[in-house]
Amino acid sequence: MSIGRVLLRPFPDSVYLRLGYRIFFGTWPDYRHPHSFNEHIHEYMLRCRDPMLRIPADKIESRHYIAARVGADVLVPLLGVWNRPEDVPLSELPRPFVLKPTAASGRVLIVRAEDELDEDEVRDRMRCWLRRCYSHVNREWCYRGVPRRLMAETLLSDDRGGLPPDYKAYVIGGKVRFLQVDRGRFAQHTRNVYDPQWNPLPARWTLQKHEPDPRPACLPRMIELAETLAEPFEFLRVDYYVIGEQLYIGELTNYPGAGFERFIPSGYAWEIGKFWSGRPVSGAG
């Protein structure tokens, strides 16, 4: 995909996504009459220009939205927000912490208590984060015009001091249709997918599976919060961490994987696509 992005860079959004879909999935998409989950995500990317989409794209604005909608108690503790790498007080931030850009996806630096930091190297990395406009990477319109800043949050850990699993709830048409659990995100990354009753789905979602996850006691609240947050949206993914009995919301996502995640078997993408209530875009090709 990274080579494909370079080769397809000169093309308009609809052509870029259409050719990218063909390269990644091996078939041509139908954005006029989308059926698969991935076709729906791309059609949504091309069609919807609701300013509300900029809220999930901005990690600071999404915190304000979450606090106003469901309460600030579910937010990961925030250590600071800065406009320039030079302003981030790396040596003064309480460890462990997580450093990331506010308008990007998948970019993160974890700093634990025992880590030695090369501050010059870290600031160079932050400059790279800020230079990259994410609306160009996979034609994700929601990032266009969103201010690019830096933020630090407290690093959450499980009862053994490790990184907790990521829970993600997919809300399509106002209802949670499936959930995923990611483990080993920065090591051996695995993923399970479940229906809202916590029954395993008969499919993989890009990655290999791990052992079945225990049904979280807070699952009803996960679903309730996700559906409340998603009310103004046609589609939304809500990401969670569970630490003891405390539920945290990590972030909100408009276009998971920019539509380039893969259900295995591929036909299951059509099963999930049946839940989508969006209308086709005219002229999407």
C-alpha atoms as a PDB file:
ATOM      1  CA  MET A   1       0.000   0.000   0.000  1.00  0.00           C
ATOM      2  CA  SER A   2       2.833   2.472   0.712  1.00  0.00           C
ATOM      3  CA  ILE A   3       4.211   2.033  -2.828  1.00  0.00           C
ATOM      4  CA  GLY A   4       0.685   2.328  -4.193  1.00  0.00           C
ATOM      5  CA  ARG A   5       0.169   5.623  -2.339  1.00  0.00           C
ATOM      6  CA  VAL A   6       3.201   7.121  -4.053  1.00  0.00           C
ATOM      7  CA  LEU A   7       2.178   5.911  -7.507  1.00  0.00           C
ATOM      8  CA  LEU A   8      -1.422   7.094  -7.089  1.00  0.00           C
ATOM      9  CA  ARG A   9      -0.608  10.457  -5.515  1.00  0.00           C
ATOM     10  CA  PRO A  10      -1.359  12.574  -8.649  1.00  0.00           C
ATOM     11  CA  PHE A  11      -4.885  11.161  -9.069  1.00  0.00           C
ATOM     12  CA  PRO A  12      -8.132  12.715  -7.749  1.00  0.00           C
ATOM     13  CA  ASP A  13      -9.701  11.171  -4.641  1.00  0.00           C
ATOM     14  CA  SER A  14     -12.259   8.940  -6.395  1.00  0.00           C
ATOM     15  CA  VAL A  15      -9.639   7.520  -8.777  1.00  0.00           C
ATOM     16  CA  TYR A  16      -7.078   7.123  -5.989  1.00  0.00           C
ATOM     17  CA  LEU A  17      -9.496   5.130  -3.813  1.00  0.00           C
ATOM     18  CA  ARG A  18     -10.852   3.103  -6.708  1.00  0.00           C
ATOM     19  CA  LEU A  19      -7.380   2.055  -7.897  1.00  0.00           C
ATOM     20  CA  GLY A  20      -6.215   1.511  -4.314  1.00  0.00           C
ATOM     21  CA  TYR A  21      -9.212  -0.757  -3.714  1.00  0.00           C
ATOM     22  CA  ARG A  22      -8.381  -2.739  -6.855  1.00  0.00           C
ATOM     23  CA  ILE A  23      -4.753  -3.148  -5.785  1.00  0.00           C
ATOM     24  CA  PHE A  24      -5.566  -4.098  -2.174  1.00  0.00           C
ATOM     25  CA  PHE A  25      -8.677  -6.261  -2.586  1.00  0.00           C
ATOM     26  CA  GLY A  26      -8.175  -7.565  -6.127  1.00  0.00           C
ATOM     27  CA  THR A  27     -11.599  -6.421  -7.373  1.00  0.00           C
ATOM     28  CA  TRP A  28     -13.094  -3.164  -8.581  1.00  0.00           C
ATOM     29  CA  PRO A  29     -15.352  -1.329  -6.085  1.00  0.00           C
ATOM     30  CA  ASP A  30     -18.857  -0.102  -6.830  1.00  0.00           C
ATOM     31  CA  TYR A  31     -19.183   3.269  -5.113  1.00  0.00           C
ATOM     32  CA  ARG A  32     -22.493   4.051  -6.842  1.00  0.00           C
ATOM     33  CA  HIS A  33     -24.148   1.019  -5.251  1.00  0.00           C
ATOM     34  CA  PRO A  34     -21.861   0.018  -2.353  1.00  0.00           C
ATOM     35  CA  HIS A  35     -22.396  -3.402  -0.798  1.00  0.00           C
ATOM     36  CA  SER A  36     -19.285  -4.352   1.185  1.00  0.00           C
ATOM     37  CA  PHE A  37     -18.265  -2.588   4.377  1.00  0.00           C
ATOM     38  CA  ASN A  38     -15.132  -1.324   2.629  1.00  0.00           C
ATOM     39  CA  GLU A  39     -17.082   0.088  -0.308  1.00  0.00           C
ATOM     40  CA  HIS A  40     -19.344   1.891   2.159  1.00  0.00           C
ATOM     41  CA  ILE A  41     -16.357   3.399   3.990  1.00  0.00           C
ATOM     42  CA  HIS A  42     -14.887   4.711   0.735  1.00  0.00           C
ATOM     43  CA  GLU A  43     -18.251   5.992  -0.474  1.00  0.00           C
ATOM     44  CA  TYR A  44     -18.625   7.784   2.864  1.00  0.00           C
ATOM     45  CA  MET A  45     -15.149   9.307   2.467  1.00  0.00           C
ATOM     46  CA  LEU A  46     -16.056  10.619  -0.989  1.00  0.00           C
ATOM     47  CA  ARG A  47     -19.571  11.834  -0.216  1.00  0.00           C
ATOM     48  CA  CYS A  48     -19.999  13.102   3.308  1.00  0.00           C
ATOM     49  CA  ARG A  49     -18.790  16.657   4.001  1.00  0.00           C
ATOM     50  CA  ASP A  50     -20.529  17.137   7.331  1.00  0.00           C
ATOM     51  CA  PRO A  51     -18.353  19.463   9.484  1.00  0.00           C
ATOM     52  CA  MET A  52     -19.098  17.128  12.422  1.00  0.00           C
ATOM     53  CA  LEU A  53     -16.569  14.700  10.918  1.00  0.00           C
ATOM     54  CA  ARG A  54     -13.793  17.064  11.939  1.00  0.00           C
ATOM     55  CA  ILE A  55     -14.539  16.344  15.612  1.00  0.00           C
ATOM     56  CA  PRO A  56     -13.294  12.712  15.574  1.00  0.00           C
ATOM     57  CA  ALA A  57     -10.365  13.826  13.379  1.00  0.00           C
ATOM     58  CA  ASP A  58      -9.167  16.251  16.062  1.00  0.00           C
ATOM     59  CA  LYS A  59      -8.223  14.392  19.229  1.00  0.00           C
ATOM     60  CA  ILE A  60      -8.631  17.537  21.356  1.00  0.00           C
ATOM     61  CA  GLU A  61     -12.031  18.456  19.939  1.00  0.00           C
ATOM     62  CA  SER A  62     -13.151  14.855  20.340  1.00  0.00           C
ATOM     63  CA  ARG A  63     -12.275  15.045  24.055  1.00  0.00           C
ATOM     64  CA  HIS A  64     -14.509  18.116  24.393  1.00  0.00           C
ATOM     65  CA  TYR A  65     -17.278  16.345  22.498  1.00  0.00           C
ATOM     66  CA  ILE A  66     -17.022  13.189  24.636  1.00  0.00           C
ATOM     67  CA  ALA A  67     -17.040  15.199  27.870  1.00  0.00           C
ATOM     68  CA  ALA A  68     -20.099  17.182  26.816  1.00  0.00           C
ATOM     69  CA  ARG A  69     -21.982  14.156  25.528  1.00  0.00           C
ATOM     70  CA  VAL A  70     -21.255  11.411  28.078  1.00  0.00           C
ATOM     71  CA  GLY A  71     -19.071  12.960  30.801  1.00  0.00           C
ATOM     72  CA  ALA A  72     -15.373  13.646  31.367  1.00  0.00           C
ATOM     73  CA  ASP A  73     -14.889  10.654  33.687  1.00  0.00           C
ATOM     74  CA  VAL A  74     -14.234   8.381  30.676  1.00  0.00           C
ATOM     75  CA  LEU A  75     -11.364  10.493  29.305  1.00  0.00           C
ATOM     76  CA  VAL A  76      -7.734   9.401  29.582  1.00  0.00           C
ATOM     77  CA  PRO A  77      -5.917  11.991  31.770  1.00  0.00           C
ATOM     78  CA  LEU A  78      -4.472  14.747  29.575  1.00  0.00           C
ATOM     79  CA  LEU A  79      -0.996  16.100  30.390  1.00  0.00           C
ATOM     80  CA  GLY A  80      -0.820  18.912  27.860  1.00  0.00           C
ATOM     81  CA  VAL A  81      -1.372  20.236  24.345  1.00  0.00           C
ATOM     82  CA  TRP A  82       1.239  22.158  22.349  1.00  0.00           C
ATOM     83  CA  ASN A  83       1.557  23.784  18.935  1.00  0.00           C
ATOM     84  CA  ARG A  84       5.315  23.307  18.496  1.00  0.00           C
ATOM     85  CA  PRO A  85       7.728  20.463  19.339  1.00  0.00           C
ATOM     86  CA  GLU A  86       9.965  23.002  21.088  1.00  0.00           C
ATOM     87  CA  ASP A  87       7.181  23.740  23.570  1.00  0.00           C
ATOM     88  CA  VAL A  88       6.742  20.139  24.778  1.00  0.00           C
ATOM     89  CA  PRO A  89       8.436  19.820  28.212  1.00  0.00           C
ATOM     90  CA  LEU A  90       9.688  16.281  27.655  1.00  0.00           C
ATOM     91  CA  SER A  91      11.855  16.154  30.779  1.00  0.00           C
ATOM     92  CA  GLU A  92       9.050  17.448  33.005  1.00  0.00           C
ATOM     93  CA  LEU A  93       6.133  15.275  31.891  1.00  0.00           C
ATOM     94  CA  PRO A  94       5.103  12.721  34.542  1.00  0.00           C
ATOM     95  CA  ARG A  95       5.972   9.229  33.382  1.00  0.00           C
ATOM     96  CA  PRO A  96       4.735   6.974  31.958  1.00  0.00           C
ATOM     97  CA  PHE A  97       3.074   8.979  29.199  1.00  0.00           C
ATOM     98  CA  VAL A  98       1.999   8.765  25.571  1.00  0.00           C
ATOM     99  CA  LEU A  99       2.926  11.452  23.063  1.00  0.00           C
ATOM    100  CA  LYS A 100       1.000  11.797  19.785  1.00  0.00           C
ATOM    101  CA  PRO A 101      -0.191  14.248  17.151  1.00  0.00           C
ATOM    102  CA  THR A 102      -3.749  15.504  17.482  1.00  0.00           C
ATOM    103  CA  ALA A 103      -4.669  15.175  13.792  1.00  0.00           C
ATOM    104  CA  ALA A 104      -3.318  11.841  12.612  1.00  0.00           C
ATOM    105  CA  SER A 105      -3.811   8.110  13.012  1.00  0.00           C
ATOM    106  CA  GLY A 106      -1.407   5.451  14.243  1.00  0.00           C
ATOM    107  CA  ARG A 107       1.364   7.853  15.282  1.00  0.00           C
ATOM    108  CA  VAL A 108       2.337   7.455  18.927  1.00  0.00           C
ATOM    109  CA  LEU A 109       5.413   7.478  21.171  1.00  0.00           C
ATOM    110  CA  ILE A 110       5.238   5.598  24.471  1.00  0.00           C
ATOM    111  CA  VAL A 111       7.599   6.792  27.204  1.00  0.00           C
ATOM    112  CA  ARG A 112       7.941   4.623  30.310  1.00  0.00           C
ATOM    113  CA  ALA A 113       9.573   5.487  33.621  1.00  0.00           C
ATOM    114  CA  GLU A 114      12.840   3.751  32.772  1.00  0.00           C
ATOM    115  CA  ASP A 115      13.202   5.009  29.188  1.00  0.00           C
ATOM    116  CA  GLU A 116      16.098   7.247  28.187  1.00  0.00           C
ATOM    117  CA  LEU A 117      15.004   9.906  25.737  1.00  0.00           C
ATOM    118  CA  ASP A 118      17.029  11.540  23.019  1.00  0.00           C
ATOM    119  CA  GLU A 119      15.071  14.771  23.083  1.00  0.00           C
ATOM    120  CA  ASP A 120      16.451  15.997  19.759  1.00  0.00           C
ATOM    121  CA  GLU A 121      15.349  12.778  18.088  1.00  0.00           C
ATOM    122  CA  VAL A 122      11.904  12.946  19.686  1.00  0.00           C
ATOM    123  CA  ARG A 123      11.427  16.552  18.590  1.00  0.00           C
ATOM    124  CA  ASP A 124      12.465  15.610  15.038  1.00  0.00           C
ATOM    125  CA  ARG A 125       9.800  12.916  15.095  1.00  0.00           C
ATOM    126  CA  MET A 126       7.204  15.415  16.283  1.00  0.00           C
ATOM    127  CA  ARG A 127       8.158  17.791  13.453  1.00  0.00           C
ATOM    128  CA  CYS A 128       7.546  14.967  10.973  1.00  0.00           C
ATOM    129  CA  TRP A 129       4.124  14.385  12.538  1.00  0.00           C
ATOM    130  CA  LEU A 130       3.171  18.030  12.153  1.00  0.00           C
ATOM    131  CA  ARG A 131       4.424  18.324   8.569  1.00  0.00           C
ATOM    132  CA  ARG A 132       2.213  15.490   7.367  1.00  0.00           C
ATOM    133  CA  CYS A 133      -1.294  16.495   6.324  1.00  0.00           C
ATOM    134  CA  TYR A 134      -3.397  13.407   6.904  1.00  0.00           C
ATOM    135  CA  SER A 135      -6.083  14.486   4.455  1.00  0.00           C
ATOM    136  CA  HIS A 136      -3.573  13.619   1.694  1.00  0.00           C
ATOM    137  CA  VAL A 137      -2.405  10.221   2.953  1.00  0.00           C
ATOM    138  CA  ASN A 138      -5.525   8.191   2.098  1.00  0.00           C
ATOM    139  CA  ARG A 139      -7.776  11.070   0.978  1.00  0.00           C
ATOM    140  CA  GLU A 140      -9.468  11.271   4.388  1.00  0.00           C
ATOM    141  CA  TRP A 141     -11.411  14.516   4.003  1.00  0.00           C
ATOM    142  CA  CYS A 142     -12.164  14.857   7.716  1.00  0.00           C
ATOM    143  CA  TYR A 143      -8.547  15.903   8.439  1.00  0.00           C
ATOM    144  CA  ARG A 144      -8.672  18.821   5.983  1.00  0.00           C
ATOM    145  CA  GLY A 145      -8.245  22.094   7.838  1.00  0.00           C
ATOM    146  CA  VAL A 146      -7.903  20.462  11.273  1.00  0.00           C
ATOM    147  CA  PRO A 147      -5.137  22.156  13.317  1.00  0.00           C
ATOM    148  CA  ARG A 148      -2.052  19.999  13.732  1.00  0.00           C
ATOM    149  CA  ARG A 149      -0.894  19.981  17.339  1.00  0.00           C
ATOM    150  CA  LEU A 150       0.836  17.709  19.839  1.00  0.00           C
ATOM    151  CA  MET A 151      -0.591  16.146  22.977  1.00  0.00           C
ATOM    152  CA  ALA A 152       0.466  13.944  25.878  1.00  0.00           C
ATOM    153  CA  GLU A 153      -1.706  11.632  27.944  1.00  0.00           C
ATOM    154  CA  THR A 154      -1.043   9.355  30.905  1.00  0.00           C
ATOM    155  CA  LEU A 155      -0.055   5.864  29.748  1.00  0.00           C
ATOM    156  CA  LEU A 156      -2.669   3.370  30.888  1.00  0.00           C
ATOM    157  CA  SER A 157      -1.506  -0.081  31.952  1.00  0.00           C
ATOM    158  CA  ASP A 158      -3.119  -3.337  33.008  1.00  0.00           C
ATOM    159  CA  ASP A 159      -2.693  -5.071  36.375  1.00  0.00           C
ATOM    160  CA  ARG A 160       0.628  -6.565  35.208  1.00  0.00           C
ATOM    161  CA  GLY A 161       2.064  -3.272  34.032  1.00  0.00           C
ATOM    162  CA  GLY A 162       1.536  -4.055  30.351  1.00  0.00           C
ATOM    163  CA  LEU A 163      -0.473  -2.267  27.726  1.00  0.00           C
ATOM    164  CA  PRO A 164      -4.199  -2.978  28.024  1.00  0.00           C
ATOM    165  CA  PRO A 165      -6.156  -4.432  25.097  1.00  0.00           C
ATOM    166  CA  ASP A 166      -7.935  -2.051  22.739  1.00  0.00           C
ATOM    167  CA  TYR A 167     -11.707  -2.443  22.488  1.00  0.00           C
ATOM    168  CA  LYS A 168     -13.384  -0.855  19.473  1.00  0.00           C
ATOM    169  CA  ALA A 169     -17.122  -0.554  18.850  1.00  0.00           C
ATOM    170  CA  TYR A 170     -18.420  -0.033  15.291  1.00  0.00           C
ATOM    171  CA  VAL A 171     -21.650   1.954  15.117  1.00  0.00           C
ATOM    172  CA  ILE A 172     -23.478   1.792  11.775  1.00  0.00           C
ATOM    173  CA  GLY A 173     -26.868   3.440  11.428  1.00  0.00           C
ATOM    174  CA  GLY A 174     -27.064   4.244  15.130  1.00  0.00           C
ATOM    175  CA  LYS A 175     -26.363   0.735  16.491  1.00  0.00           C
ATOM    176  CA  VAL A 176     -23.216  -1.151  17.464  1.00  0.00           C
ATOM    177  CA  ARG A 177     -22.925  -3.891  14.841  1.00  0.00           C
ATOM    178  CA  PHE A 178     -19.641  -5.465  15.893  1.00  0.00           C
ATOM    179  CA  LEU A 179     -16.696  -4.984  18.246  1.00  0.00           C
ATOM    180  CA  GLN A 180     -13.016  -5.816  17.994  1.00  0.00           C
ATOM    181  CA  VAL A 181     -10.340  -6.488  20.585  1.00  0.00           C
ATOM    182  CA  ASP A 182      -6.708  -5.791  19.681  1.00  0.00           C
ATOM    183  CA  ARG A 183      -3.848  -7.204  21.723  1.00  0.00           C
ATOM    184  CA  GLY A 184      -0.079  -6.792  21.348  1.00  0.00           C
ATOM    185  CA  ARG A 185      -0.459  -3.684  19.221  1.00  0.00           C
ATOM    186  CA  PHE A 186       3.264  -2.837  19.456  1.00  0.00           C
ATOM    187  CA  ALA A 187       4.504  -6.444  19.449  1.00  0.00           C
ATOM    188  CA  GLN A 188       2.629  -9.451  18.045  1.00  0.00           C
ATOM    189  CA  HIS A 189      -0.533  -7.682  16.992  1.00  0.00           C
ATOM    190  CA  THR A 190      -3.664  -9.872  17.016  1.00  0.00           C
ATOM    191  CA  ARG A 191      -7.383  -9.164  16.801  1.00  0.00           C
ATOM    192  CA  ASN A 192     -10.705 -10.816  17.622  1.00  0.00           C
ATOM    193  CA  VAL A 193     -14.114  -9.649  16.446  1.00  0.00           C
ATOM    194  CA  TYR A 194     -17.457 -10.146  18.201  1.00  0.00           C
ATOM    195  CA  ASP A 195     -21.125  -9.348  17.726  1.00  0.00           C
ATOM    196  CA  PRO A 196     -22.844  -7.076  20.306  1.00  0.00           C
ATOM    197  CA  GLN A 197     -23.721 -10.129  22.447  1.00  0.00           C
ATOM    198  CA  TRP A 198     -19.999 -11.058  22.523  1.00  0.00           C
ATOM    199  CA  ASN A 199     -20.329 -14.065  20.235  1.00  0.00           C
ATOM    200  CA  PRO A 200     -17.199 -14.473  18.053  1.00  0.00           C
ATOM    201  CA  LEU A 201     -17.799 -13.562  14.428  1.00  0.00           C
ATOM    202  CA  PRO A 202     -17.039 -16.287  11.850  1.00  0.00           C
ATOM    203  CA  ALA A 203     -14.335 -14.136  10.275  1.00  0.00           C
ATOM    204  CA  ARG A 204     -10.999 -12.441  10.828  1.00  0.00           C
ATOM    205  CA  TRP A 205     -10.552  -8.682  10.515  1.00  0.00           C
ATOM    206  CA  THR A 206      -7.156  -8.255   8.812  1.00  0.00           C
ATOM    207  CA  LEU A 207      -5.050  -9.796  11.617  1.00  0.00           C
ATOM    208  CA  GLN A 208      -4.655 -13.254  13.117  1.00  0.00           C
ATOM    209  CA  LYS A 209      -6.899 -14.116  16.072  1.00  0.00           C
ATOM    210  CA  HIS A 210      -5.847 -14.678  19.681  1.00  0.00           C
ATOM    211  CA  GLU A 211      -7.470 -16.726  22.437  1.00  0.00           C
ATOM    212  CA  PRO A 212     -11.097 -15.746  23.133  1.00  0.00           C
ATOM    213  CA  ASP A 213     -11.483 -12.632  25.255  1.00  0.00           C
ATOM    214  CA  PRO A 214     -13.647 -12.724  28.387  1.00  0.00           C
ATOM    215  CA  ARG A 215     -16.842 -10.750  27.978  1.00  0.00           C
ATOM    216  CA  PRO A 216     -16.163  -7.370  29.622  1.00  0.00           C
ATOM    217  CA  ALA A 217     -18.459  -6.609  32.527  1.00  0.00           C
ATOM    218  CA  CYS A 218     -18.868  -3.082  31.149  1.00  0.00           C
ATOM    219  CA  LEU A 219     -19.991  -4.251  27.690  1.00  0.00           C
ATOM    220  CA  PRO A 220     -23.520  -2.780  28.067  1.00  0.00           C
ATOM    221  CA  ARG A 221     -22.013   0.601  28.969  1.00  0.00           C
ATOM    222  CA  MET A 222     -19.551   0.365  26.059  1.00  0.00           C
ATOM    223  CA  ILE A 223     -22.468  -0.116  23.696  1.00  0.00           C
ATOM    224  CA  GLU A 224     -24.580   2.585  25.323  1.00  0.00           C
ATOM    225  CA  LEU A 225     -21.790   5.179  25.200  1.00  0.00           C
ATOM    226  CA  ALA A 226     -20.836   4.296  21.627  1.00  0.00           C
ATOM    227  CA  GLU A 227     -24.404   4.671  20.397  1.00  0.00           C
ATOM    228  CA  THR A 228     -24.842   7.951  22.285  1.00  0.00           C
ATOM    229  CA  LEU A 229     -21.646   9.398  20.821  1.00  0.00           C
ATOM    230  CA  ALA A 230     -22.559   8.181  17.334  1.00  0.00           C
ATOM    231  CA  GLU A 231     -26.051   9.730  17.259  1.00  0.00           C
ATOM    232  CA  PRO A 232     -25.063  12.654  14.969  1.00  0.00           C
ATOM    233  CA  PHE A 233     -23.008  10.393  12.679  1.00  0.00           C
ATOM    234  CA  GLU A 234     -23.870   7.965   9.921  1.00  0.00           C
ATOM    235  CA  PHE A 235     -20.919   5.839  11.050  1.00  0.00           C
ATOM    236  CA  LEU A 236     -18.495   6.045  13.970  1.00  0.00           C
ATOM    237  CA  ARG A 237     -15.965   3.802  15.678  1.00  0.00           C
ATOM    238  CA  VAL A 238     -15.435   4.334  19.405  1.00  0.00           C
ATOM    239  CA  ASP A 239     -12.212   3.036  20.997  1.00  0.00           C
ATOM    240  CA  TYR A 240     -11.983   1.961  24.626  1.00  0.00           C
ATOM    241  CA  TYR A 241      -9.626   0.773  27.331  1.00  0.00           C
ATOM    242  CA  VAL A 242     -10.770  -1.048  30.453  1.00  0.00           C
ATOM    243  CA  ILE A 243      -8.585  -0.622  33.551  1.00  0.00           C
ATOM    244  CA  GLY A 244     -10.025  -2.530  36.489  1.00  0.00           C
ATOM    245  CA  GLU A 245     -13.600  -1.270  36.714  1.00  0.00           C
ATOM    246  CA  GLN A 246     -12.823   2.026  34.951  1.00  0.00           C
ATOM    247  CA  LEU A 247     -13.826   2.457  31.320  1.00  0.00           C
ATOM    248  CA  TYR A 248     -11.853   4.955  29.228  1.00  0.00           C
ATOM    249  CA  ILE A 249     -12.545   6.228  25.722  1.00  0.00           C
ATOM    250  CA  GLY A 250      -9.334   6.469  23.731  1.00  0.00           C
ATOM    251  CA  GLU A 251     -10.522   8.166  20.542  1.00  0.00           C
ATOM    252  CA  LEU A 252     -13.192   8.360  17.854  1.00  0.00           C
ATOM    253  CA  THR A 253     -12.662   7.284  14.252  1.00  0.00           C
ATOM    254  CA  ASN A 254     -14.508   8.173  11.043  1.00  0.00           C
ATOM    255  CA  TYR A 255     -12.803   5.900   8.512  1.00  0.00           C
ATOM    256  CA  PRO A 256     -11.129   2.885  10.173  1.00  0.00           C
ATOM    257  CA  GLY A 257      -8.076   1.861   8.199  1.00  0.00           C
ATOM    258  CA  ALA A 258      -9.205   4.326   5.498  1.00  0.00           C
ATOM    259  CA  GLY A 259     -11.350   1.458   4.230  1.00  0.00           C
ATOM    260  CA  PHE A 260      -8.318  -0.794   3.710  1.00  0.00           C
ATOM    261  CA  GLU A 261      -8.969  -3.383   6.427  1.00  0.00           C
ATOM    262  CA  ARG A 262      -9.818  -6.872   5.216  1.00  0.00           C
ATOM    263  CA  PHE A 263     -12.458  -9.350   6.381  1.00  0.00           C
ATOM    264  CA  ILE A 264     -11.399 -12.971   5.914  1.00  0.00           C
ATOM    265  CA  PRO A 265     -13.366 -14.590   4.313  1.00  0.00           C
ATOM    266  CA  SER A 266     -13.937 -11.549   2.114  1.00  0.00           C
ATOM    267  CA  GLY A 267     -17.670 -12.231   1.772  1.00  0.00           C
ATOM    268  CA  TYR A 268     -18.161 -11.225   5.393  1.00  0.00           C
ATOM    269  CA  ALA A 269     -17.539  -7.601   4.395  1.00  0.00           C
ATOM    270  CA  TRP A 270     -20.868  -7.841   2.541  1.00  0.00           C
ATOM    271  CA  GLU A 271     -22.606  -9.143   5.666  1.00  0.00           C
ATOM    272  CA  ILE A 272     -21.401  -6.132   7.654  1.00  0.00           C
ATOM    273  CA  GLY A 273     -22.213  -3.846   4.727  1.00  0.00           C
ATOM    274  CA  LYS A 274     -25.893  -4.784   5.022  1.00  0.00           C
ATOM    275  CA  PHE A 275     -26.111  -2.705   8.199  1.00  0.00           C
ATOM    276  CA  TRP A 276     -25.096   0.515   6.435  1.00  0.00           C
ATOM    277  CA  SER A 277     -27.870   3.018   5.820  1.00  0.00           C
ATOM    278  CA  GLY A 278     -25.878   5.562   3.768  1.00  0.00           C
ATOM    279  CA  ARG A 279     -27.019   6.639   0.333  1.00  0.00           C
ATOM    280  CA  PRO A 280     -24.802   6.206  -2.759  1.00  0.00           C
ATOM    281  CA  VAL A 281     -22.834   9.169  -4.018  1.00  0.00           C
ATOM    282  CA  SER A 282     -23.556  10.513  -7.487  1.00  0.00           C
ATOM    283  CA  GLY A 283     -20.506  10.623  -9.719  1.00  0.00           C
ATOM    284  CA  ALA A 284     -18.298   8.540  -7.377  1.00  0.00           C
ATOM    285  CA  GLY A 285     -17.469   6.050 -10.150  1.00  0.00           C
END
